[in-house]
N, C-alpha and C. Protein backbone atom coordinates (compact mmCIF):
# COMPACT_ATOMS: atom_id res chain seq x y z
N MET A 1 -49.34 59.16 -29.84
CA MET A 1 -48.86 58.98 -28.64
C MET A 1 -47.33 59.38 -28.86
N THR A 2 -46.64 60.59 -27.88
CA THR A 2 -45.69 60.89 -28.07
C THR A 2 -44.73 60.37 -27.14
N LYS A 3 -43.35 59.66 -27.38
CA LYS A 3 -42.42 59.48 -26.69
C LYS A 3 -42.08 60.53 -25.59
N LEU A 4 -42.01 60.17 -24.65
CA LEU A 4 -41.03 61.28 -23.58
C LEU A 4 -39.60 60.61 -23.44
N SER A 5 -38.71 61.79 -23.62
CA SER A 5 -37.55 61.39 -23.46
C SER A 5 -36.97 61.69 -21.92
N LYS A 6 -36.28 61.05 -21.57
CA LYS A 6 -35.29 61.14 -19.94
C LYS A 6 -34.76 62.52 -20.10
N VAL A 7 -35.37 63.51 -19.11
CA VAL A 7 -34.65 64.61 -18.90
C VAL A 7 -33.45 64.42 -17.81
N GLU A 8 -32.09 65.28 -18.79
CA GLU A 8 -31.05 64.99 -17.78
C GLU A 8 -30.91 65.98 -16.86
N LYS A 9 -30.64 65.69 -15.50
CA LYS A 9 -31.03 66.53 -14.71
C LYS A 9 -29.39 66.58 -13.74
N GLN A 10 -28.96 67.99 -13.93
CA GLN A 10 -27.50 68.02 -13.31
C GLN A 10 -27.93 68.07 -11.64
N LEU A 11 -27.02 67.14 -10.61
CA LEU A 11 -27.37 67.50 -9.21
C LEU A 11 -26.20 68.37 -8.86
N LEU A 12 -25.96 68.19 -7.54
CA LEU A 12 -24.79 68.98 -6.44
C LEU A 12 -24.81 70.37 -6.86
N ARG A 13 -26.18 70.94 -6.75
CA ARG A 13 -26.23 72.50 -6.88
C ARG A 13 -26.53 73.44 -6.07
N ASP A 14 -26.67 72.95 -4.65
CA ASP A 14 -26.59 73.21 -3.36
C ASP A 14 -25.20 73.76 -2.88
N SER A 15 -25.05 75.04 -3.02
CA SER A 15 -23.20 75.54 -2.44
C SER A 15 -23.39 75.28 -0.95
N ASP A 16 -24.53 75.19 -0.30
CA ASP A 16 -24.50 74.92 1.49
C ASP A 16 -24.13 73.53 1.91
N VAL A 17 -24.49 72.69 0.80
CA VAL A 17 -23.99 71.32 1.11
C VAL A 17 -22.76 71.01 0.66
N GLU A 18 -21.88 70.31 1.73
CA GLU A 18 -20.47 70.31 2.04
C GLU A 18 -20.37 68.95 1.09
N LEU A 19 -19.62 69.15 0.03
CA LEU A 19 -19.18 67.88 -0.65
C LEU A 19 -18.32 66.86 -0.04
N THR A 20 -18.97 65.55 0.05
CA THR A 20 -17.96 64.75 0.56
C THR A 20 -18.08 63.40 -0.47
N ASN A 21 -17.51 62.39 -0.09
CA ASN A 21 -17.46 61.09 -0.73
C ASN A 21 -19.05 60.46 -0.72
N GLU A 22 -19.11 60.87 0.22
CA GLU A 22 -20.99 60.27 0.65
C GLU A 22 -21.99 61.00 -0.25
N VAL A 23 -21.72 62.31 -0.05
CA VAL A 23 -22.84 63.09 -1.07
C VAL A 23 -22.53 62.69 -2.59
N ILE A 24 -21.46 62.39 -3.23
CA ILE A 24 -21.04 62.10 -4.42
C ILE A 24 -21.65 60.56 -4.70
N ALA A 25 -21.42 59.93 -3.53
CA ALA A 25 -21.98 58.25 -3.95
C ALA A 25 -23.33 58.42 -3.76
N LYS A 26 -24.09 59.22 -2.89
CA LYS A 26 -25.62 59.06 -2.97
C LYS A 26 -26.16 59.64 -4.26
N ALA A 27 -25.61 60.95 -5.00
CA ALA A 27 -26.12 61.29 -5.73
C ALA A 27 -26.09 60.46 -7.47
N LEU A 28 -24.63 59.81 -7.21
CA LEU A 28 -24.46 58.74 -8.50
C LEU A 28 -25.51 57.70 -8.63
N GLY A 29 -25.59 57.13 -7.23
CA GLY A 29 -26.07 55.81 -7.25
C GLY A 29 -25.43 54.29 -7.95
N ASP A 30 -25.61 54.13 -8.79
CA ASP A 30 -25.12 52.89 -9.26
C ASP A 30 -23.70 53.13 -10.15
N ALA A 31 -24.08 54.51 -10.60
CA ALA A 31 -22.59 55.06 -11.18
C ALA A 31 -21.26 55.31 -10.47
N ASN A 32 -21.51 55.27 -9.22
CA ASN A 32 -20.42 55.59 -8.04
C ASN A 32 -19.34 54.66 -8.43
N LEU A 33 -19.82 53.56 -8.61
CA LEU A 33 -18.59 52.56 -8.72
C LEU A 33 -17.48 53.02 -9.53
N ALA A 34 -18.13 53.16 -10.92
CA ALA A 34 -17.20 53.92 -12.07
C ALA A 34 -16.69 55.03 -11.70
N TYR A 35 -17.37 55.87 -10.80
CA TYR A 35 -16.56 57.19 -10.52
C TYR A 35 -15.47 56.77 -9.79
N LEU A 36 -15.53 56.02 -8.76
CA LEU A 36 -14.19 55.65 -7.96
C LEU A 36 -13.30 54.94 -8.75
N LYS A 37 -13.55 54.08 -9.32
CA LYS A 37 -12.82 53.46 -10.71
C LYS A 37 -11.78 54.69 -11.16
N LEU A 38 -12.53 55.42 -11.77
CA LEU A 38 -12.07 56.76 -12.42
C LEU A 38 -11.03 57.37 -11.79
N ILE A 39 -11.58 57.84 -10.58
CA ILE A 39 -10.75 58.49 -9.55
C ILE A 39 -9.26 58.07 -9.58
N ASP A 40 -9.49 56.64 -9.14
CA ASP A 40 -8.43 55.41 -9.02
C ASP A 40 -7.27 55.52 -10.11
N GLU A 41 -7.72 55.35 -11.35
CA GLU A 41 -7.41 55.48 -12.28
C GLU A 41 -6.42 56.62 -12.73
N LEU A 42 -7.00 57.74 -12.42
CA LEU A 42 -6.68 59.12 -12.73
C LEU A 42 -5.24 59.40 -11.94
N LYS A 43 -5.26 58.77 -10.78
CA LYS A 43 -3.85 58.99 -9.99
C LYS A 43 -2.65 58.32 -10.58
N ARG A 44 -3.17 57.20 -11.26
CA ARG A 44 -1.83 56.56 -12.08
C ARG A 44 -1.23 57.37 -13.40
N HIS A 45 -2.28 58.41 -13.70
CA HIS A 45 -2.03 59.26 -14.47
C HIS A 45 -1.68 60.59 -14.24
N ASP A 46 -1.46 60.72 -12.95
CA ASP A 46 -0.92 62.11 -12.34
C ASP A 46 -1.98 63.08 -12.67
N ILE A 47 -3.22 62.72 -12.43
CA ILE A 47 -4.43 63.64 -12.48
C ILE A 47 -5.23 63.98 -11.31
N LYS A 48 -5.11 64.90 -10.58
CA LYS A 48 -5.80 65.22 -9.55
C LYS A 48 -6.97 65.72 -9.70
N VAL A 49 -8.07 65.31 -9.23
CA VAL A 49 -9.45 65.78 -9.31
C VAL A 49 -9.89 66.93 -8.04
N GLU A 50 -10.10 68.04 -8.32
CA GLU A 50 -10.45 69.00 -7.30
C GLU A 50 -11.98 69.59 -7.50
N TRP A 51 -12.79 69.43 -6.46
CA TRP A 51 -14.12 69.84 -6.75
C TRP A 51 -14.20 71.66 -6.10
N ARG A 52 -15.11 72.16 -6.53
CA ARG A 52 -15.53 73.55 -6.26
C ARG A 52 -16.70 74.08 -6.75
N TYR A 53 -17.49 74.66 -5.90
CA TYR A 53 -18.84 75.33 -6.29
C TYR A 53 -18.47 76.67 -7.06
N TYR A 54 -19.20 76.57 -8.12
CA TYR A 54 -18.92 77.51 -9.29
C TYR A 54 -20.39 78.14 -9.08
N THR A 55 -20.43 79.94 -8.84
CA THR A 55 -21.57 80.27 -8.56
C THR A 55 -22.10 80.74 -10.12
N ASP A 56 -21.26 80.98 -10.85
CA ASP A 56 -22.03 80.99 -12.32
C ASP A 56 -22.51 80.07 -12.86
N GLY A 57 -22.15 78.80 -12.76
CA GLY A 57 -23.13 77.88 -13.27
C GLY A 57 -24.15 77.11 -12.03
N LYS A 58 -23.81 77.49 -10.84
CA LYS A 58 -25.01 76.90 -9.61
C LYS A 58 -24.66 75.80 -9.88
N ALA A 59 -23.54 75.03 -9.78
CA ALA A 59 -23.36 73.77 -9.33
C ALA A 59 -22.13 73.55 -8.75
N TRP A 60 -21.61 72.19 -8.10
CA TRP A 60 -20.36 71.61 -7.84
C TRP A 60 -20.07 71.16 -8.98
N LEU A 61 -18.61 71.64 -9.28
CA LEU A 61 -18.05 71.03 -10.75
C LEU A 61 -16.27 70.49 -10.25
N SER A 62 -15.79 69.80 -10.87
CA SER A 62 -14.60 69.15 -10.55
C SER A 62 -13.67 69.62 -11.74
N LYS A 63 -12.74 69.80 -11.50
CA LYS A 63 -11.46 70.00 -12.68
C LYS A 63 -10.64 68.81 -12.72
N GLY A 64 -10.23 67.86 -13.28
CA GLY A 64 -8.84 67.29 -13.53
C GLY A 64 -7.85 68.10 -13.68
N ILE A 65 -6.99 68.02 -12.68
CA ILE A 65 -5.70 68.89 -13.01
C ILE A 65 -4.38 68.14 -13.04
N TYR A 66 -3.66 68.84 -14.05
CA TYR A 66 -2.33 67.87 -14.35
C TYR A 66 -1.09 68.74 -13.86
N ARG A 67 -0.76 68.44 -12.55
CA ARG A 67 0.49 69.90 -12.48
C ARG A 67 1.99 68.88 -12.73
N SER A 68 2.73 69.99 -13.14
CA SER A 68 4.28 69.60 -13.58
C SER A 68 4.93 70.63 -13.54
N THR A 69 6.29 70.05 -13.48
CA THR A 69 7.45 70.99 -13.27
C THR A 69 8.13 71.18 -14.38
N GLY A 70 8.33 72.43 -15.07
CA GLY A 70 9.17 72.71 -16.10
C GLY A 70 10.46 72.57 -16.30
N VAL A 71 11.42 72.70 -17.13
CA VAL A 71 12.86 72.58 -17.31
C VAL A 71 13.46 73.39 -16.65
N ARG A 72 12.87 74.65 -16.21
CA ARG A 72 13.76 75.82 -15.43
C ARG A 72 12.96 75.66 -14.07
N GLY A 73 12.08 74.55 -13.59
CA GLY A 73 11.71 74.69 -12.34
C GLY A 73 10.42 75.13 -12.22
N GLY A 74 9.73 75.97 -13.20
CA GLY A 74 8.48 76.63 -12.97
C GLY A 74 7.27 75.52 -12.93
N LYS A 75 6.38 75.92 -12.10
CA LYS A 75 5.26 74.95 -12.24
C LYS A 75 4.19 75.25 -13.15
N LYS A 76 3.88 74.20 -13.59
CA LYS A 76 2.65 74.24 -14.89
C LYS A 76 1.55 73.54 -14.54
N GLU A 77 0.27 74.42 -14.36
CA GLU A 77 -0.98 73.36 -13.99
C GLU A 77 -1.57 73.62 -15.51
N ILE A 78 -2.33 72.36 -15.67
CA ILE A 78 -3.45 72.08 -16.83
C ILE A 78 -4.16 71.72 -16.36
N THR A 79 -5.85 72.09 -16.81
CA THR A 79 -7.03 71.64 -16.55
C THR A 79 -7.00 70.67 -17.79
N VAL A 80 -7.34 69.48 -17.86
CA VAL A 80 -7.13 68.31 -18.68
C VAL A 80 -8.62 68.14 -18.90
N PHE A 81 -9.68 68.07 -17.91
CA PHE A 81 -11.28 68.13 -18.39
C PHE A 81 -11.95 68.72 -16.74
N TRP A 82 -13.23 68.61 -17.27
CA TRP A 82 -14.02 68.98 -16.23
C TRP A 82 -15.24 67.90 -15.73
N LEU A 83 -15.41 67.58 -14.71
CA LEU A 83 -16.54 66.49 -14.20
C LEU A 83 -17.67 67.32 -13.59
N SER A 84 -19.06 66.60 -13.79
CA SER A 84 -20.08 67.16 -13.34
C SER A 84 -20.94 66.14 -13.00
N ILE A 85 -21.61 66.07 -12.01
CA ILE A 85 -22.33 64.81 -11.55
C ILE A 85 -23.58 65.01 -11.79
N TRP A 86 -24.43 63.91 -12.65
CA TRP A 86 -25.98 64.20 -13.17
C TRP A 86 -26.38 63.11 -12.53
N GLU A 87 -28.11 62.99 -12.69
CA GLU A 87 -29.15 61.83 -11.96
C GLU A 87 -28.36 60.60 -12.86
N GLY A 88 -27.88 59.81 -12.06
CA GLY A 88 -27.33 58.33 -12.80
C GLY A 88 -26.13 58.36 -13.71
N PHE A 89 -25.62 59.35 -13.55
CA PHE A 89 -24.29 59.32 -14.28
C PHE A 89 -23.32 60.40 -14.06
N PHE A 90 -22.03 60.18 -14.52
CA PHE A 90 -21.08 61.84 -14.07
C PHE A 90 -20.88 62.20 -15.62
N ARG A 91 -20.64 63.18 -16.04
CA ARG A 91 -20.34 63.65 -17.31
C ARG A 91 -18.61 64.30 -16.92
N VAL A 92 -17.94 63.82 -18.17
CA VAL A 92 -16.48 64.34 -18.42
C VAL A 92 -16.42 64.73 -19.57
N THR A 93 -15.85 66.27 -19.45
CA THR A 93 -15.84 67.07 -20.78
C THR A 93 -14.27 67.42 -21.07
N VAL A 94 -13.62 67.20 -22.21
CA VAL A 94 -12.24 67.60 -22.36
C VAL A 94 -12.60 68.58 -23.62
N TYR A 95 -11.69 69.91 -23.13
CA TYR A 95 -11.54 70.87 -24.05
C TYR A 95 -10.41 70.80 -24.58
N VAL A 96 -10.14 71.03 -26.06
CA VAL A 96 -8.90 70.72 -26.81
C VAL A 96 -8.91 71.76 -27.69
N PRO A 97 -7.74 72.91 -27.85
CA PRO A 97 -7.60 73.57 -29.00
C PRO A 97 -8.00 73.12 -30.32
N GLU A 98 -8.63 73.96 -31.41
CA GLU A 98 -9.03 73.81 -32.30
C GLU A 98 -7.65 73.01 -33.40
N LYS A 99 -6.57 73.58 -32.92
CA LYS A 99 -5.55 73.31 -33.76
C LYS A 99 -4.85 72.20 -33.97
N TYR A 100 -5.67 71.43 -32.64
CA TYR A 100 -5.24 69.89 -32.49
C TYR A 100 -6.27 69.04 -32.81
N ARG A 101 -7.23 69.46 -33.50
CA ARG A 101 -8.40 68.52 -33.94
C ARG A 101 -7.93 67.17 -34.79
N GLU A 102 -6.67 67.53 -35.76
CA GLU A 102 -6.48 66.42 -36.43
C GLU A 102 -5.57 65.44 -35.81
N ALA A 103 -4.93 65.92 -34.94
CA ALA A 103 -3.72 65.32 -34.09
C ALA A 103 -4.73 64.22 -32.76
N VAL A 104 -5.78 65.10 -32.74
CA VAL A 104 -6.87 64.04 -31.66
C VAL A 104 -7.55 62.85 -32.71
N LEU A 105 -7.66 63.39 -33.55
CA LEU A 105 -8.80 62.38 -34.59
C LEU A 105 -7.86 61.54 -35.06
N ALA A 106 -6.41 61.44 -34.83
CA ALA A 106 -5.51 60.47 -35.43
C ALA A 106 -5.46 59.38 -34.17
N LEU A 107 -5.62 59.83 -33.19
CA LEU A 107 -5.66 58.85 -31.93
C LEU A 107 -6.25 57.60 -32.10
N PRO A 108 -5.96 56.34 -31.64
CA PRO A 108 -6.78 55.29 -31.38
C PRO A 108 -8.12 55.42 -30.62
N LEU A 109 -8.80 56.51 -30.83
CA LEU A 109 -10.28 56.16 -30.35
C LEU A 109 -11.43 55.29 -31.10
N GLU A 110 -12.41 55.15 -30.06
CA GLU A 110 -13.58 54.61 -30.77
C GLU A 110 -14.05 55.21 -31.79
N MET A 111 -14.82 54.75 -33.32
CA MET A 111 -15.03 55.47 -34.19
C MET A 111 -16.27 56.64 -33.68
N GLN A 112 -17.13 56.10 -32.44
CA GLN A 112 -18.16 57.10 -32.11
C GLN A 112 -17.59 58.14 -31.71
N VAL A 113 -16.56 58.34 -30.69
CA VAL A 113 -15.83 59.22 -29.97
C VAL A 113 -15.15 60.04 -31.40
N LYS A 114 -14.62 59.41 -32.23
CA LYS A 114 -14.17 60.16 -33.56
C LYS A 114 -14.81 60.85 -34.26
N GLN A 115 -16.19 60.14 -34.32
CA GLN A 115 -17.30 61.00 -35.05
C GLN A 115 -17.81 62.21 -34.70
N SER A 116 -17.97 62.18 -33.03
CA SER A 116 -18.42 63.24 -32.27
C SER A 116 -17.34 64.34 -32.44
N ILE A 117 -16.10 63.91 -32.17
CA ILE A 117 -15.16 65.01 -32.27
C ILE A 117 -14.88 65.67 -33.70
N ALA A 118 -15.28 64.84 -34.93
CA ALA A 118 -14.97 65.60 -36.14
C ALA A 118 -16.28 66.57 -36.25
N GLU A 119 -17.63 66.02 -35.49
CA GLU A 119 -18.59 67.09 -35.67
C GLU A 119 -18.94 68.10 -34.77
N ALA A 120 -18.09 68.24 -33.98
CA ALA A 120 -18.08 69.14 -32.58
C ALA A 120 -17.67 70.46 -33.01
N LYS A 121 -18.70 71.56 -32.74
CA LYS A 121 -18.57 72.96 -32.95
C LYS A 121 -17.74 73.47 -32.29
N LEU A 122 -17.28 74.45 -32.52
CA LEU A 122 -16.24 75.56 -31.90
C LEU A 122 -16.91 76.25 -30.88
N MET A 123 -16.30 76.54 -29.71
CA MET A 123 -16.68 77.05 -28.90
C MET A 123 -15.98 78.72 -28.53
N GLY A 124 -16.98 79.72 -28.93
CA GLY A 124 -16.70 81.30 -28.95
C GLY A 124 -15.38 81.75 -29.58
N LYS A 125 -14.79 82.46 -29.27
CA LYS A 125 -13.64 83.27 -29.80
C LYS A 125 -12.48 82.50 -29.70
N LEU A 126 -12.29 81.51 -28.18
CA LEU A 126 -11.37 80.48 -28.03
C LEU A 126 -10.86 79.70 -29.28
N LYS A 127 -11.97 79.21 -29.83
CA LYS A 127 -11.68 77.96 -30.73
C LYS A 127 -11.17 76.71 -30.20
N PHE A 128 -12.04 76.29 -29.14
CA PHE A 128 -11.52 75.05 -28.62
C PHE A 128 -12.88 74.01 -28.87
N PHE A 129 -12.71 72.89 -29.29
CA PHE A 129 -13.65 72.08 -29.43
C PHE A 129 -13.59 71.23 -28.28
N TYR A 130 -14.87 70.23 -27.91
CA TYR A 130 -14.72 69.52 -26.85
C TYR A 130 -15.40 68.16 -27.21
N ALA A 131 -14.82 67.28 -26.01
CA ALA A 131 -15.62 65.69 -26.34
C ALA A 131 -16.12 65.46 -25.14
N THR A 132 -17.28 64.98 -25.15
CA THR A 132 -17.88 64.72 -23.70
C THR A 132 -18.45 63.09 -23.79
N PHE A 133 -18.53 62.90 -22.28
CA PHE A 133 -18.77 61.60 -21.98
C PHE A 133 -19.67 61.28 -20.73
N ASP A 134 -20.61 60.78 -20.92
CA ASP A 134 -21.50 60.67 -19.81
C ASP A 134 -21.42 59.19 -19.82
N VAL A 135 -20.87 58.89 -18.39
CA VAL A 135 -20.26 57.78 -18.06
C VAL A 135 -21.17 57.07 -16.79
N THR A 136 -21.15 55.87 -16.90
CA THR A 136 -22.27 55.19 -16.20
C THR A 136 -21.41 53.70 -15.63
N SER A 137 -20.30 53.56 -16.50
CA SER A 137 -19.41 52.20 -16.43
C SER A 137 -17.92 52.77 -16.77
N ASP A 138 -17.03 51.65 -16.85
CA ASP A 138 -15.97 51.85 -17.05
C ASP A 138 -15.60 51.49 -18.63
N SER A 139 -16.54 51.61 -19.41
CA SER A 139 -16.46 51.08 -20.98
C SER A 139 -15.95 52.43 -21.64
N GLN A 140 -15.89 53.43 -21.22
CA GLN A 140 -15.48 54.81 -21.97
C GLN A 140 -14.02 55.36 -21.45
N PHE A 141 -13.67 54.46 -20.38
CA PHE A 141 -12.39 55.05 -19.63
C PHE A 141 -10.59 54.94 -20.57
N ASP A 142 -11.03 54.08 -21.36
CA ASP A 142 -9.79 54.16 -22.51
C ASP A 142 -9.95 55.27 -23.40
N SER A 143 -10.88 55.91 -23.84
CA SER A 143 -11.18 57.25 -24.50
C SER A 143 -10.53 58.53 -23.60
N ILE A 144 -11.24 58.45 -22.55
CA ILE A 144 -11.17 59.39 -21.63
C ILE A 144 -9.67 59.68 -21.39
N LEU A 145 -9.20 58.35 -21.03
CA LEU A 145 -7.86 58.47 -20.31
C LEU A 145 -6.82 58.87 -21.52
N LEU A 146 -7.28 58.40 -22.67
CA LEU A 146 -6.13 59.03 -23.82
C LEU A 146 -6.30 60.12 -24.23
N LEU A 147 -7.77 60.78 -24.10
CA LEU A 147 -7.52 62.13 -24.52
C LEU A 147 -6.89 63.13 -23.15
N SER A 148 -7.20 62.47 -22.10
CA SER A 148 -6.46 63.09 -21.04
C SER A 148 -4.98 63.12 -20.99
N ASP A 149 -4.38 62.16 -21.35
CA ASP A 149 -3.12 62.13 -21.67
C ASP A 149 -2.55 62.98 -22.69
N PHE A 150 -3.27 63.11 -23.75
CA PHE A 150 -3.23 63.84 -25.03
C PHE A 150 -2.88 65.52 -24.30
N LYS A 151 -4.16 65.57 -23.54
CA LYS A 151 -4.37 67.24 -23.15
C LYS A 151 -3.23 67.63 -22.15
N LYS A 152 -2.66 66.68 -21.53
CA LYS A 152 -1.40 66.97 -20.59
C LYS A 152 -0.36 67.49 -21.29
N ARG A 153 -0.01 66.72 -22.81
CA ARG A 153 1.15 67.09 -23.60
C ARG A 153 0.94 68.59 -24.28
N VAL A 154 -0.49 68.89 -24.50
CA VAL A 154 -0.60 70.14 -25.31
C VAL A 154 -1.24 71.65 -24.57
N LYS A 155 -1.22 72.51 -24.96
CA LYS A 155 -1.64 73.80 -24.22
C LYS A 155 -3.13 74.01 -24.75
């Protein structure tokens, strides 16, 4: 007898469906409370969540955006993370340039997160690694916010 593993299914893949808080809530189910708490917490970190339908991935995705003004008055925008909706959870992925891996590993992150980062493969020619969080509750918020704040400070 073989064990069947649950297949992860990405939701919100229809470009014709207008994305609203109600649509997100229905898609997330029980994880919606955690999503709302994270959105509220991100406001305190000056990170705005912006949704858009991406035709290349055929899904609605959100960028966590941090906007700041430079010393000379120039506007600066950083994508801190990407967020997608899956059946029963939402996924937050933070991409960090490889040159900052040691600095990220020095952050006070949970050991499981550090191990995942240490083992993360590089993505393509751009030399980024990533940390991914499948979120159903607020238990991972500390790590997500710590990495997000770090990402706001680096390019």
